[in-house]
Amino acid sequence: MNSDFDWFMITMPIFAIVVFLIVMVGSMEKQPKFLEGTKVNTNVARGIIFLFVVGAFYSFIYMIVWFIDLVRTY
């Protein structure tokens, strides 16, 4: 994967499926019982926080790598 288009082609369908699932569950008249537990709520919160931290860390590393590359080629 050497271009932004490659990353887009991989991440966009995954994002679309996640959004589809969120909309489908959110539009249900009765929420499934397994979604009402406190364990599920904590796991969802942990998952969101984990994805945010991993994304921020990846972005930070990528930013440092690009900065070093720009300084090196200046």
C-alpha atoms as a PDB file:
ATOM      1  CA  MET A   1       0.000   0.000   0.000  1.00  0.00           C
ATOM      2  CA  ASN A   2       1.885   2.952  -1.248  1.00  0.00           C
ATOM      3  CA  SER A   3      -0.712   5.586  -1.928  1.00  0.00           C
ATOM      4  CA  ASP A   4      -3.566   7.387  -0.240  1.00  0.00           C
ATOM      5  CA  PHE A   5      -5.973   5.786  -2.690  1.00  0.00           C
ATOM      6  CA  ASP A   6      -5.000   2.300  -1.457  1.00  0.00           C
ATOM      7  CA  TRP A   7      -5.725   3.274   2.146  1.00  0.00           C
ATOM      8  CA  PHE A   8      -9.030   4.829   1.096  1.00  0.00           C
ATOM      9  CA  MET A   9     -10.085   1.671  -0.744  1.00  0.00           C
ATOM     10  CA  ILE A  10      -9.451  -0.419   2.375  1.00  0.00           C
ATOM     11  CA  THR A  11     -10.755   1.852   5.128  1.00  0.00           C
ATOM     12  CA  MET A  12     -13.832   3.283   3.388  1.00  0.00           C
ATOM     13  CA  PRO A  13     -15.799  -0.012   3.123  1.00  0.00           C
ATOM     14  CA  ILE A  14     -14.989  -0.807   6.766  1.00  0.00           C
ATOM     15  CA  PHE A  15     -16.170   2.659   7.806  1.00  0.00           C
ATOM     16  CA  ALA A  16     -19.343   2.272   5.723  1.00  0.00           C
ATOM     17  CA  ILE A  17     -20.156  -1.095   7.332  1.00  0.00           C
ATOM     18  CA  VAL A  18     -19.644   0.309  10.841  1.00  0.00           C
ATOM     19  CA  VAL A  19     -21.857   3.316  10.123  1.00  0.00           C
ATOM     20  CA  PHE A  20     -24.491   1.029   8.578  1.00  0.00           C
ATOM     21  CA  LEU A  21     -24.536  -1.162  11.694  1.00  0.00           C
ATOM     22  CA  ILE A  22     -24.790   1.859  13.999  1.00  0.00           C
ATOM     23  CA  VAL A  23     -27.700   3.277  12.004  1.00  0.00           C
ATOM     24  CA  MET A  24     -29.505  -0.079  11.805  1.00  0.00           C
ATOM     25  CA  VAL A  25     -29.224  -0.758  15.544  1.00  0.00           C
ATOM     26  CA  GLY A  26     -30.127   2.842  16.366  1.00  0.00           C
ATOM     27  CA  SER A  27     -33.263   2.742  14.223  1.00  0.00           C
ATOM     28  CA  MET A  28     -34.618  -0.447  15.796  1.00  0.00           C
ATOM     29  CA  GLU A  29     -37.821  -0.003  17.785  1.00  0.00           C
ATOM     30  CA  LYS A  30     -36.627  -2.226  20.589  1.00  0.00           C
ATOM     31  CA  GLN A  31     -32.965  -2.355  21.427  1.00  0.00           C
ATOM     32  CA  PRO A  32     -31.537  -5.878  21.736  1.00  0.00           C
ATOM     33  CA  LYS A  33     -31.224  -6.994  25.358  1.00  0.00           C
ATOM     34  CA  PHE A  34     -27.502  -7.747  25.141  1.00  0.00           C
ATOM     35  CA  LEU A  35     -26.802  -4.072  24.396  1.00  0.00           C
ATOM     36  CA  GLU A  36     -28.340  -2.932  27.674  1.00  0.00           C
ATOM     37  CA  GLY A  37     -25.762  -4.510  29.985  1.00  0.00           C
ATOM     38  CA  THR A  38     -23.184  -2.446  31.834  1.00  0.00           C
ATOM     39  CA  LYS A  39     -20.402  -4.726  30.597  1.00  0.00           C
ATOM     40  CA  VAL A  40     -21.308  -3.970  26.986  1.00  0.00           C
ATOM     41  CA  ASN A  41     -21.362  -0.228  27.696  1.00  0.00           C
ATOM     42  CA  THR A  42     -17.930  -0.320  29.327  1.00  0.00           C
ATOM     43  CA  ASN A  43     -16.522  -2.448  26.501  1.00  0.00           C
ATOM     44  CA  VAL A  44     -17.876  -0.048  23.878  1.00  0.00           C
ATOM     45  CA  ALA A  45     -16.433   2.923  25.764  1.00  0.00           C
ATOM     46  CA  ARG A  46     -13.075   1.168  26.102  1.00  0.00           C
ATOM     47  CA  GLY A  47     -13.130   0.304  22.396  1.00  0.00           C
ATOM     48  CA  ILE A  48     -13.793   3.898  21.383  1.00  0.00           C
ATOM     49  CA  ILE A  49     -11.063   5.183  23.690  1.00  0.00           C
ATOM     50  CA  PHE A  50      -8.657   2.504  22.432  1.00  0.00           C
ATOM     51  CA  LEU A  51      -9.307   3.419  18.783  1.00  0.00           C
ATOM     52  CA  PHE A  52      -8.827   7.111  19.570  1.00  0.00           C
ATOM     53  CA  VAL A  53      -5.540   6.489  21.418  1.00  0.00           C
ATOM     54  CA  VAL A  54      -4.205   4.176  18.700  1.00  0.00           C
ATOM     55  CA  GLY A  55      -5.196   6.659  15.986  1.00  0.00           C
ATOM     56  CA  ALA A  56      -3.609   9.572  17.837  1.00  0.00           C
ATOM     57  CA  PHE A  57      -0.416   7.576  18.443  1.00  0.00           C
ATOM     58  CA  TYR A  58      -0.235   6.493  14.793  1.00  0.00           C
ATOM     59  CA  SER A  59      -0.807  10.066  13.628  1.00  0.00           C
ATOM     60  CA  PHE A  60       1.888  11.346  15.991  1.00  0.00           C
ATOM     61  CA  ILE A  61       4.437   8.787  14.772  1.00  0.00           C
ATOM     62  CA  TYR A  62       3.543   9.513  11.137  1.00  0.00           C
ATOM     63  CA  MET A  63       3.894  13.256  11.765  1.00  0.00           C
ATOM     64  CA  ILE A  64       7.356  12.778  13.326  1.00  0.00           C
ATOM     65  CA  VAL A  65       8.470  10.562  10.428  1.00  0.00           C
ATOM     66  CA  TRP A  66       7.337  13.148   7.872  1.00  0.00           C
ATOM     67  CA  PHE A  67       9.004  15.948   9.814  1.00  0.00           C
ATOM     68  CA  ILE A  68      12.303  14.055   9.885  1.00  0.00           C
ATOM     69  CA  ASP A  69      11.976  13.311   6.164  1.00  0.00           C
ATOM     70  CA  LEU A  70      11.289  16.967   5.379  1.00  0.00           C
ATOM     71  CA  VAL A  71      14.267  18.132   7.465  1.00  0.00           C
ATOM     72  CA  ARG A  72      16.487  15.502   5.856  1.00  0.00           C
ATOM     73  CA  THR A  73      15.538  16.544   2.317  1.00  0.00           C
ATOM     74  CA  TYR A  74      15.645  20.287   2.967  1.00  0.00           C
END
